[in-house]
């Protein structure tokens, strides 16, 4: 069994990189070639159908079919859970006890040795790489030298990515502690304890921090990692971003069994509304000042992946394999389409197009305005992480079995 990082060119049918690298024994770069027959690049002006011409004009290099460029195999246990990020034409993705940095050709440039397994997406701020680990720490590295500058003990595993604003790092741990850390000197500005484990990434506005909690209990197998998920008491917290004071919290019930109970979807905030997906299959719009519900929409299937908001389009998937879009201006379900696998991840949106992985099915590229599937890669393996989109490429972690 090995984990694989794949890059797809969604705009061009010409391959990049030859994959002939001399790597460590546990790694192999391979040039896979086209996964579909390449479509010739036409003159856009010769396309008669207006709808088809519009599609090609939105993809600058005019390819109907994407191209699998290279894949990087990593023989580790956790890679597929860490979502990749792209920064300055380099890709960063977490692995067991490290974060890899490689270029768009698939060449490994450097690695960052962490204090524990990494299942979250790293973040980059002010020349540093910040990442949470399952070994109860937030590790901060110099981006270029790869040296670990400092770490903070979080008393519990980090399952949700940190978020940074105004040189402050906000992160929650599964032990039920939410931290505000000074990114300059590693000092803990404040720490707030809640009665729920945190496995999601916080959302922030000008003065509030929003974070979803999941019920936790004792885990005899890994007592140092914050406990197992055990109860159905799920809460959303609003916290003063400067002081750590809890402003309000609301409890969200779930009829589902304990292994999927809890808020596992990152909250999203825009203006005075928080958008949240729940494992009971509801999409909620909540007042950011009070937590009162403004509206809700049910999709009758657990929402495990997070929501993506672009303009007025709120896009997400559910365990039943459906992809949905809600127009948040009128709180109306605009469209939905079916995939053949479970959706456990978050869409990556670029302009009017999005990509998302469907487990044991494939990677879909679609128009967020109408739900039209533009392209699809068939993938017969597990997809547990969200993709990243950069300059016409989409990068997806998968587990190859």
Protein backbone atom coordinates (compact mmCIF):
# COMPACT_ATOMS: atom_id res chain seq x y z
CA UNK A 1 0.00 0.00 0.00
CA UNK A 2 1.33 3.46 -0.80
CA UNK A 3 0.04 7.00 -0.82
CA UNK A 4 0.12 9.01 -3.98
CA UNK A 5 0.07 12.69 -4.82
CA UNK A 6 -1.31 13.43 -8.26
CA UNK A 7 -1.22 16.56 -10.39
CA UNK A 8 -3.63 17.10 -13.27
CA UNK A 9 -3.29 19.74 -15.95
CA UNK A 10 -6.86 20.92 -16.44
CA UNK A 11 -6.02 23.38 -19.19
CA UNK A 12 -3.32 21.90 -21.40
CA UNK A 13 -2.81 18.55 -23.11
CA UNK A 14 1.01 18.73 -23.15
CA UNK A 15 2.87 16.90 -20.38
CA UNK A 16 5.39 18.63 -18.15
CA UNK A 17 8.33 17.01 -16.39
CA UNK A 18 9.93 13.71 -17.33
CA UNK A 19 9.82 12.16 -13.86
CA UNK A 20 13.42 10.86 -14.10
CA UNK A 21 14.58 11.64 -10.58
CA UNK A 22 17.00 10.12 -8.10
CA UNK A 23 14.99 10.04 -4.89
CA UNK A 24 15.11 8.40 -1.48
CA UNK A 25 14.12 4.70 -1.41
CA UNK A 26 10.61 5.39 -0.14
CA UNK A 27 9.74 7.73 -3.00
CA UNK A 28 9.23 7.39 -6.70
CA UNK A 29 8.22 9.91 -9.32
CA UNK A 30 6.60 8.44 -12.36
CA UNK A 31 5.38 10.04 -15.55
CA UNK A 32 1.99 8.50 -16.18
CA UNK A 33 1.06 10.28 -19.39
CA UNK A 34 -2.44 11.03 -20.58
CA UNK A 35 -5.37 9.44 -18.83
CA UNK A 36 -7.60 10.33 -21.78
CA UNK A 37 -6.96 10.82 -25.41
CA UNK A 38 -5.76 14.41 -25.93
CA UNK A 39 -8.12 16.74 -27.69
CA UNK A 40 -6.53 18.89 -30.42
CA UNK A 41 -6.24 22.56 -29.62
CA UNK A 42 -8.68 24.36 -31.90
CA UNK A 43 -9.12 27.90 -32.98
CA UNK A 44 -11.77 29.18 -30.60
CA UNK A 45 -13.30 31.28 -33.34
CA UNK A 46 -14.03 28.11 -35.36
CA UNK A 47 -16.26 26.62 -32.65
CA UNK A 48 -19.83 27.15 -33.75
CA UNK A 49 -21.80 26.34 -30.58
CA UNK A 50 -21.81 29.36 -28.27
CA UNK A 51 -21.94 27.23 -25.10
CA UNK A 52 -18.97 25.12 -26.17
CA UNK A 53 -17.01 28.19 -27.25
CA UNK A 54 -17.64 29.82 -23.88
CA UNK A 55 -16.28 26.74 -22.13
CA UNK A 56 -13.07 26.78 -24.14
CA UNK A 57 -12.58 30.49 -23.63
CA UNK A 58 -12.72 30.00 -19.88
CA UNK A 59 -9.92 27.44 -20.04
CA UNK A 60 -7.01 29.50 -21.42
CA UNK A 61 -5.14 26.68 -23.17
CA UNK A 62 -8.32 25.17 -24.56
CA UNK A 63 -8.24 21.52 -23.48
CA UNK A 64 -11.47 19.57 -23.13
CA UNK A 65 -9.69 16.79 -21.27
CA UNK A 66 -7.23 17.07 -18.41
CA UNK A 67 -3.84 15.43 -18.41
CA UNK A 68 -2.21 13.44 -15.63
CA UNK A 69 1.25 14.96 -15.45
CA UNK A 70 3.21 13.19 -12.73
CA UNK A 71 2.49 11.26 -9.56
CA UNK A 72 4.63 11.12 -6.46
CA UNK A 73 4.41 7.90 -4.45
CA UNK A 74 5.09 8.17 -0.73
CA UNK A 75 5.12 4.98 1.33
CA UNK A 76 3.64 6.44 4.50
CA UNK A 77 0.43 6.01 6.46
CA UNK A 78 -1.14 9.46 6.61
CA UNK A 79 -0.46 11.26 3.36
CA UNK A 80 -3.94 11.11 1.87
CA UNK A 81 -5.49 12.98 4.80
CA UNK A 82 -3.39 16.12 4.39
CA UNK A 83 -4.70 18.46 1.73
CA UNK A 84 -2.02 20.08 -0.44
CA UNK A 85 -1.48 23.83 -0.68
CA UNK A 86 0.37 25.76 -3.37
CA UNK A 87 2.65 28.72 -2.68
CA UNK A 88 5.02 30.40 -5.15
CA UNK A 89 4.85 27.49 -7.59
CA UNK A 90 5.64 24.92 -4.92
CA UNK A 91 3.31 22.32 -3.45
CA UNK A 92 3.28 21.52 0.26
CA UNK A 93 1.61 18.43 1.67
CA UNK A 94 1.78 16.68 5.03
CA UNK A 95 2.92 13.13 5.61
CA UNK A 96 3.93 10.92 8.52
CA UNK A 97 6.24 13.12 10.63
CA UNK A 98 7.04 15.52 7.82
CA UNK A 99 5.78 18.02 5.28
CA UNK A 100 6.99 17.67 1.70
CA UNK A 101 7.72 20.59 -0.59
CA UNK A 102 7.99 19.89 -4.30
CA UNK A 103 7.77 21.86 -7.50
CA UNK A 104 5.12 21.66 -10.19
CA UNK A 105 7.14 19.04 -12.07
CA UNK A 106 6.90 16.68 -9.10
CA UNK A 107 10.51 17.10 -7.92
CA UNK A 108 10.96 17.01 -4.15
CA UNK A 109 12.63 20.27 -3.16
CA UNK A 110 12.79 19.87 0.61
CA UNK A 111 11.16 18.28 3.65
CA UNK A 112 10.19 19.66 7.04
CA UNK A 113 10.60 17.20 9.93
CA UNK A 114 7.61 17.54 12.24
CA UNK A 115 7.10 16.19 15.76
CA UNK A 116 4.22 13.95 14.74
CA UNK A 117 1.95 12.77 11.96
CA UNK A 118 0.39 15.50 9.83
CA UNK A 119 -3.21 15.08 8.64
CA UNK A 120 -4.01 18.76 8.13
CA UNK A 121 -3.11 21.22 5.39
CA UNK A 122 -0.07 23.32 6.32
CA UNK A 123 -0.23 27.10 6.03
CA UNK A 124 2.43 29.63 5.03
CA UNK A 125 2.78 33.08 6.56
CA UNK A 126 5.64 35.62 6.58
CA UNK A 127 8.28 33.20 5.33
CA UNK A 128 7.32 30.41 7.72
CA UNK A 129 5.46 27.12 7.39
CA UNK A 130 2.95 26.41 10.17
CA UNK A 131 1.47 22.96 10.72
CA UNK A 132 -0.37 21.05 13.43
CA UNK A 133 0.51 17.44 14.31
CA UNK A 134 -1.15 14.46 15.91
CA UNK A 135 1.61 14.54 18.52
CA UNK A 136 -0.01 17.51 20.26
CA UNK A 137 1.98 20.34 18.72
CA UNK A 138 1.96 23.29 16.38
CA UNK A 139 5.33 23.37 14.59
CA UNK A 140 6.70 26.45 12.83
CA UNK A 141 9.54 26.20 10.27
CA UNK A 142 11.69 28.59 8.31
CA UNK A 143 10.32 28.15 4.81
CA UNK A 144 13.70 28.18 3.05
CA UNK A 145 16.10 26.56 5.53
CA UNK A 146 13.44 24.01 6.71
CA UNK A 147 14.69 24.48 10.30
CA UNK A 148 12.05 24.19 12.99
CA UNK A 149 11.99 27.60 14.66
CA UNK A 150 9.65 26.78 17.50
CA UNK A 151 6.75 24.60 18.63
CA UNK A 152 3.81 24.93 20.99
CA UNK A 153 2.38 22.05 23.04
CA UNK A 154 -1.36 21.83 22.39
CA UNK A 155 -2.20 19.01 24.86
CA UNK A 156 -4.15 17.24 22.12
CA UNK A 157 -3.90 16.20 18.50
CA UNK A 158 -4.45 18.76 15.75
CA UNK A 159 -6.95 17.60 13.13
CA UNK A 160 -7.97 21.03 11.81
CA UNK A 161 -5.60 23.39 10.02
CA UNK A 162 -4.50 26.55 11.83
CA UNK A 163 -5.57 29.93 10.53
CA UNK A 164 -3.59 33.18 10.78
CA UNK A 165 -4.71 36.80 11.03
CA UNK A 166 -2.65 39.83 12.08
CA UNK A 167 0.34 37.67 13.09
CA UNK A 168 -1.82 35.53 15.36
CA UNK A 169 -2.24 31.78 14.86
CA UNK A 170 -5.61 30.31 15.83
CA UNK A 171 -5.98 26.54 16.21
CA UNK A 172 -8.07 24.04 18.16
CA UNK A 173 -7.07 20.64 19.52
CA UNK A 174 -9.04 17.45 20.03
CA UNK A 175 -8.45 17.84 23.79
CA UNK A 176 -10.88 20.76 23.78
CA UNK A 177 -8.48 23.69 23.88
CA UNK A 178 -8.47 26.63 21.47
CA UNK A 179 -5.24 28.60 21.19
CA UNK A 180 -4.26 32.07 20.05
CA UNK A 181 -0.49 32.08 19.48
CA UNK A 182 1.79 35.00 18.63
CA UNK A 183 3.41 33.99 15.34
CA UNK A 184 6.50 36.10 16.08
CA UNK A 185 7.61 34.63 19.38
CA UNK A 186 5.49 31.47 20.04
CA UNK A 187 3.90 32.95 23.17
CA UNK A 188 0.34 31.83 23.90
CA UNK A 189 -1.77 34.98 23.97
CA UNK A 190 -4.80 33.12 25.28
CA UNK A 191 -6.14 29.60 25.64
CA UNK A 192 -9.82 28.76 25.96
CA UNK A 193 -11.13 25.38 27.11
CA UNK A 194 -14.42 23.97 25.81
CA UNK A 195 -16.30 20.74 26.47
CA UNK A 196 -15.77 19.48 22.96
CA UNK A 197 -12.84 18.26 20.93
CA UNK A 198 -11.95 20.45 17.96
CA UNK A 199 -11.24 18.71 14.66
CA UNK A 200 -12.11 21.57 12.31
CA UNK A 201 -10.41 24.70 11.09
CA UNK A 202 -11.68 27.92 12.71
CA UNK A 203 -13.33 30.71 10.76
CA UNK A 204 -12.76 34.35 11.65
CA UNK A 205 -14.21 37.78 11.02
CA UNK A 206 -13.10 41.14 12.37
CA UNK A 207 -13.64 40.35 16.05
CA UNK A 208 -14.87 36.76 16.35
CA UNK A 209 -13.52 33.25 16.02
CA UNK A 210 -15.96 30.47 15.10
CA UNK A 211 -15.13 26.84 15.75
CA UNK A 212 -17.12 23.62 15.78
CA UNK A 213 -16.71 21.02 18.51
CA UNK A 214 -17.26 17.27 18.58
CA UNK A 215 -17.95 15.10 21.62
CA UNK A 216 -14.83 13.31 22.89
CA UNK A 217 -14.12 10.60 25.41
CA UNK A 218 -11.17 8.65 26.71
CA UNK A 219 -9.07 6.72 24.20
CA UNK A 220 -7.17 3.94 26.00
CA UNK A 221 -5.11 3.22 22.88
CA UNK A 222 -3.76 6.78 22.58
CA UNK A 223 -4.36 8.61 25.88
CA UNK A 224 -1.85 11.31 24.91
CA UNK A 225 -3.77 12.26 21.77
CA UNK A 226 -6.90 13.71 23.24
CA UNK A 227 -9.37 10.86 23.24
CA UNK A 228 -11.73 9.11 20.85
CA UNK A 229 -14.86 10.63 19.37
CA UNK A 230 -17.69 9.26 21.45
CA UNK A 231 -20.73 11.47 22.07
CA UNK A 232 -23.35 13.23 20.01
CA UNK A 233 -23.01 16.61 21.74
CA UNK A 234 -21.90 18.92 18.98
CA UNK A 235 -21.43 22.63 19.56
CA UNK A 236 -20.51 25.69 17.59
CA UNK A 237 -18.65 28.36 19.56
CA UNK A 238 -18.23 32.08 18.99
CA UNK A 239 -15.11 33.39 20.73
CA UNK A 240 -13.76 36.91 21.09
CA UNK A 241 -10.71 36.92 18.86
CA UNK A 242 -8.69 39.25 21.11
CA UNK A 243 -9.50 37.90 24.57
CA UNK A 244 -10.59 34.27 24.08
CA UNK A 245 -13.88 34.86 25.88
CA UNK A 246 -16.73 32.60 24.75
CA UNK A 247 -19.46 34.90 23.44
CA UNK A 248 -22.03 32.23 22.72
CA UNK A 249 -22.39 28.57 21.86
CA UNK A 250 -25.17 26.50 20.36
CA UNK A 251 -25.66 22.76 20.57
CA UNK A 252 -26.38 20.81 17.42
CA UNK A 253 -27.80 17.32 17.74
CA UNK A 254 -27.29 14.43 15.37
CA UNK A 255 -29.31 11.26 14.80
CA UNK A 256 -26.27 9.43 13.43
CA UNK A 257 -24.02 6.96 15.24
CA UNK A 258 -20.98 8.07 17.19
CA UNK A 259 -18.42 7.32 14.49
CA UNK A 260 -19.75 10.19 12.37
CA UNK A 261 -21.20 12.37 15.10
CA UNK A 262 -20.03 15.91 15.58
CA UNK A 263 -19.25 18.97 13.54
CA UNK A 264 -16.67 17.73 11.07
CA UNK A 265 -17.21 20.50 8.52
CA UNK A 266 -15.29 23.77 8.86
CA UNK A 267 -17.55 26.78 9.40
CA UNK A 268 -17.52 29.53 6.78
CA UNK A 269 -18.34 33.15 7.58
CA UNK A 270 -19.31 36.04 5.32
CA UNK A 271 -20.63 39.37 6.52
CA UNK A 272 -22.98 38.61 9.41
CA UNK A 273 -23.74 34.97 8.54
CA UNK A 274 -22.01 31.72 9.46
CA UNK A 275 -22.52 28.77 7.12
CA UNK A 276 -22.15 25.31 8.57
CA UNK A 277 -22.67 21.74 7.38
CA UNK A 278 -23.68 19.09 9.91
CA UNK A 279 -23.52 15.31 10.07
CA UNK A 280 -27.32 15.30 10.28
CA UNK A 281 -27.32 16.53 6.68
CA UNK A 282 -28.29 20.14 7.29
CA UNK A 283 -26.79 23.33 5.94
CA UNK A 284 -27.31 26.11 8.45
CA UNK A 285 -27.14 29.86 8.09
CA UNK A 286 -26.57 31.38 11.54
CA UNK A 287 -26.43 34.96 12.79
CA UNK A 288 -22.78 35.62 13.64
CA UNK A 289 -23.66 37.89 16.58
CA UNK A 290 -26.17 35.66 18.32
CA UNK A 291 -25.94 32.17 16.83
CA UNK A 292 -29.64 32.28 15.97
CA UNK A 293 -30.64 30.29 12.93
CA UNK A 294 -31.57 32.37 9.89
CA UNK A 295 -32.31 29.49 7.54
CA UNK A 296 -31.54 25.84 6.90
CA UNK A 297 -31.54 23.36 4.04
CA UNK A 298 -31.48 19.58 4.41
CA UNK A 299 -29.76 17.17 2.03
CA UNK A 300 -30.58 14.03 4.08
CA UNK A 301 -26.99 12.80 4.14
CA UNK A 302 -24.05 13.57 6.47
CA UNK A 303 -21.82 16.46 5.45
CA UNK A 304 -18.26 15.56 6.40
CA UNK A 305 -16.30 17.75 4.00
CA UNK A 306 -16.34 21.51 4.39
CA UNK A 307 -18.24 24.14 2.45
CA UNK A 308 -16.69 26.38 -0.22
CA UNK A 309 -18.12 29.86 -0.78
CA UNK A 310 -17.45 31.83 -3.96
CA UNK A 311 -19.51 34.98 -4.49
CA UNK A 312 -23.04 33.82 -3.71
CA UNK A 313 -22.41 30.14 -4.53
CA UNK A 314 -22.07 27.77 -1.54
CA UNK A 315 -20.74 24.46 -2.86
CA UNK A 316 -20.35 21.20 -0.92
CA UNK A 317 -20.73 17.43 -1.07
CA UNK A 318 -22.20 14.74 1.16
CA UNK A 319 -21.71 11.07 1.96
CA UNK A 320 -24.40 10.06 -0.52
CA UNK A 321 -22.12 11.19 -3.36
CA UNK A 322 -24.08 14.28 -4.29
CA UNK A 323 -22.56 17.69 -5.03
CA UNK A 324 -24.79 20.65 -4.17
CA UNK A 325 -24.85 24.39 -4.68
CA UNK A 326 -26.93 26.83 -2.65
CA UNK A 327 -27.39 30.44 -3.70
CA UNK A 328 -26.89 32.23 -0.37
CA UNK A 329 -28.46 35.41 -1.71
CA UNK A 330 -31.86 33.72 -1.81
CA UNK A 331 -31.12 30.56 0.25
CA UNK A 332 -32.18 28.39 -2.66
CA UNK A 333 -30.74 25.09 -3.84
CA UNK A 334 -29.51 25.96 -7.33
CA UNK A 335 -28.37 22.57 -8.60
CA UNK A 336 -26.97 19.18 -7.65
CA UNK A 337 -25.34 16.30 -9.47
CA UNK A 338 -24.45 12.74 -8.54
CA UNK A 339 -21.07 11.05 -8.29
CA UNK A 340 -20.42 7.37 -7.73
CA UNK A 341 -18.51 7.68 -4.44
CA UNK A 342 -18.71 9.33 -1.05
CA UNK A 343 -17.73 12.99 -0.73
CA UNK A 344 -15.44 13.45 2.27
CA UNK A 345 -13.62 16.56 1.11
CA UNK A 346 -14.00 20.24 0.25
CA UNK A 347 -14.29 21.74 -3.25
CA UNK A 348 -11.40 23.87 -4.50
CA UNK A 349 -12.80 26.82 -6.45
CA UNK A 350 -11.06 29.00 -9.01
CA UNK A 351 -13.24 31.67 -10.60
CA UNK A 352 -16.32 29.86 -11.95
CA UNK A 353 -14.85 26.36 -11.81
CA UNK A 354 -14.31 23.91 -8.97
CA UNK A 355 -12.65 20.56 -8.43
CA UNK A 356 -13.57 17.89 -5.88
CA UNK A 357 -12.69 14.26 -5.24
CA UNK A 358 -15.26 11.47 -4.95
CA UNK A 359 -14.02 8.41 -3.07
CA UNK A 360 -13.24 5.36 -5.25
CA UNK A 361 -14.69 7.29 -8.17
CA UNK A 362 -12.71 10.24 -9.48
CA UNK A 363 -11.87 13.92 -9.49
CA UNK A 364 -14.61 16.12 -10.94
CA UNK A 365 -14.16 19.58 -12.45
CA UNK A 366 -17.41 21.48 -12.79
CA UNK A 367 -19.00 24.88 -13.31
CA UNK A 368 -20.22 26.26 -9.98
CA UNK A 369 -22.89 28.38 -11.64
CA UNK A 370 -24.85 25.53 -13.22
CA UNK A 371 -23.31 22.26 -11.96
CA UNK A 372 -22.16 21.18 -15.41
CA UNK A 373 -19.38 18.62 -15.19
CA UNK A 374 -16.63 19.84 -17.46
CA UNK A 375 -14.07 17.10 -16.92
CA UNK A 376 -13.53 14.00 -14.79
CA UNK A 377 -10.58 11.80 -13.85
CA UNK A 378 -11.40 8.23 -12.99
CA UNK A 379 -9.76 7.24 -9.70
CA UNK A 380 -10.44 3.79 -8.24
CA UNK A 381 -8.75 4.55 -4.90
CA UNK A 382 -9.58 6.40 -1.71
CA UNK A 383 -9.83 10.18 -1.78
CA UNK A 384 -9.79 11.62 1.74
CA UNK A 385 -8.19 15.03 1.21
CA UNK A 386 -9.28 18.16 -0.60
CA UNK A 387 -7.62 19.25 -3.85
CA UNK A 388 -5.63 22.39 -4.53
CA UNK A 389 -5.91 24.43 -7.73
CA UNK A 390 -3.09 26.55 -9.13
CA UNK A 391 -2.53 28.06 -12.59
CA UNK A 392 -4.75 25.54 -14.34
CA UNK A 393 -3.50 22.52 -12.40
CA UNK A 394 -5.40 20.55 -9.79
CA UNK A 395 -3.48 18.53 -7.20
CA UNK A 396 -5.11 15.66 -5.34
CA UNK A 397 -3.88 13.22 -2.68
CA UNK A 398 -5.16 9.66 -3.07
CA UNK A 399 -4.51 6.32 -1.37
CA UNK A 400 -3.38 3.68 -3.86
CA UNK A 401 -4.23 0.17 -2.68
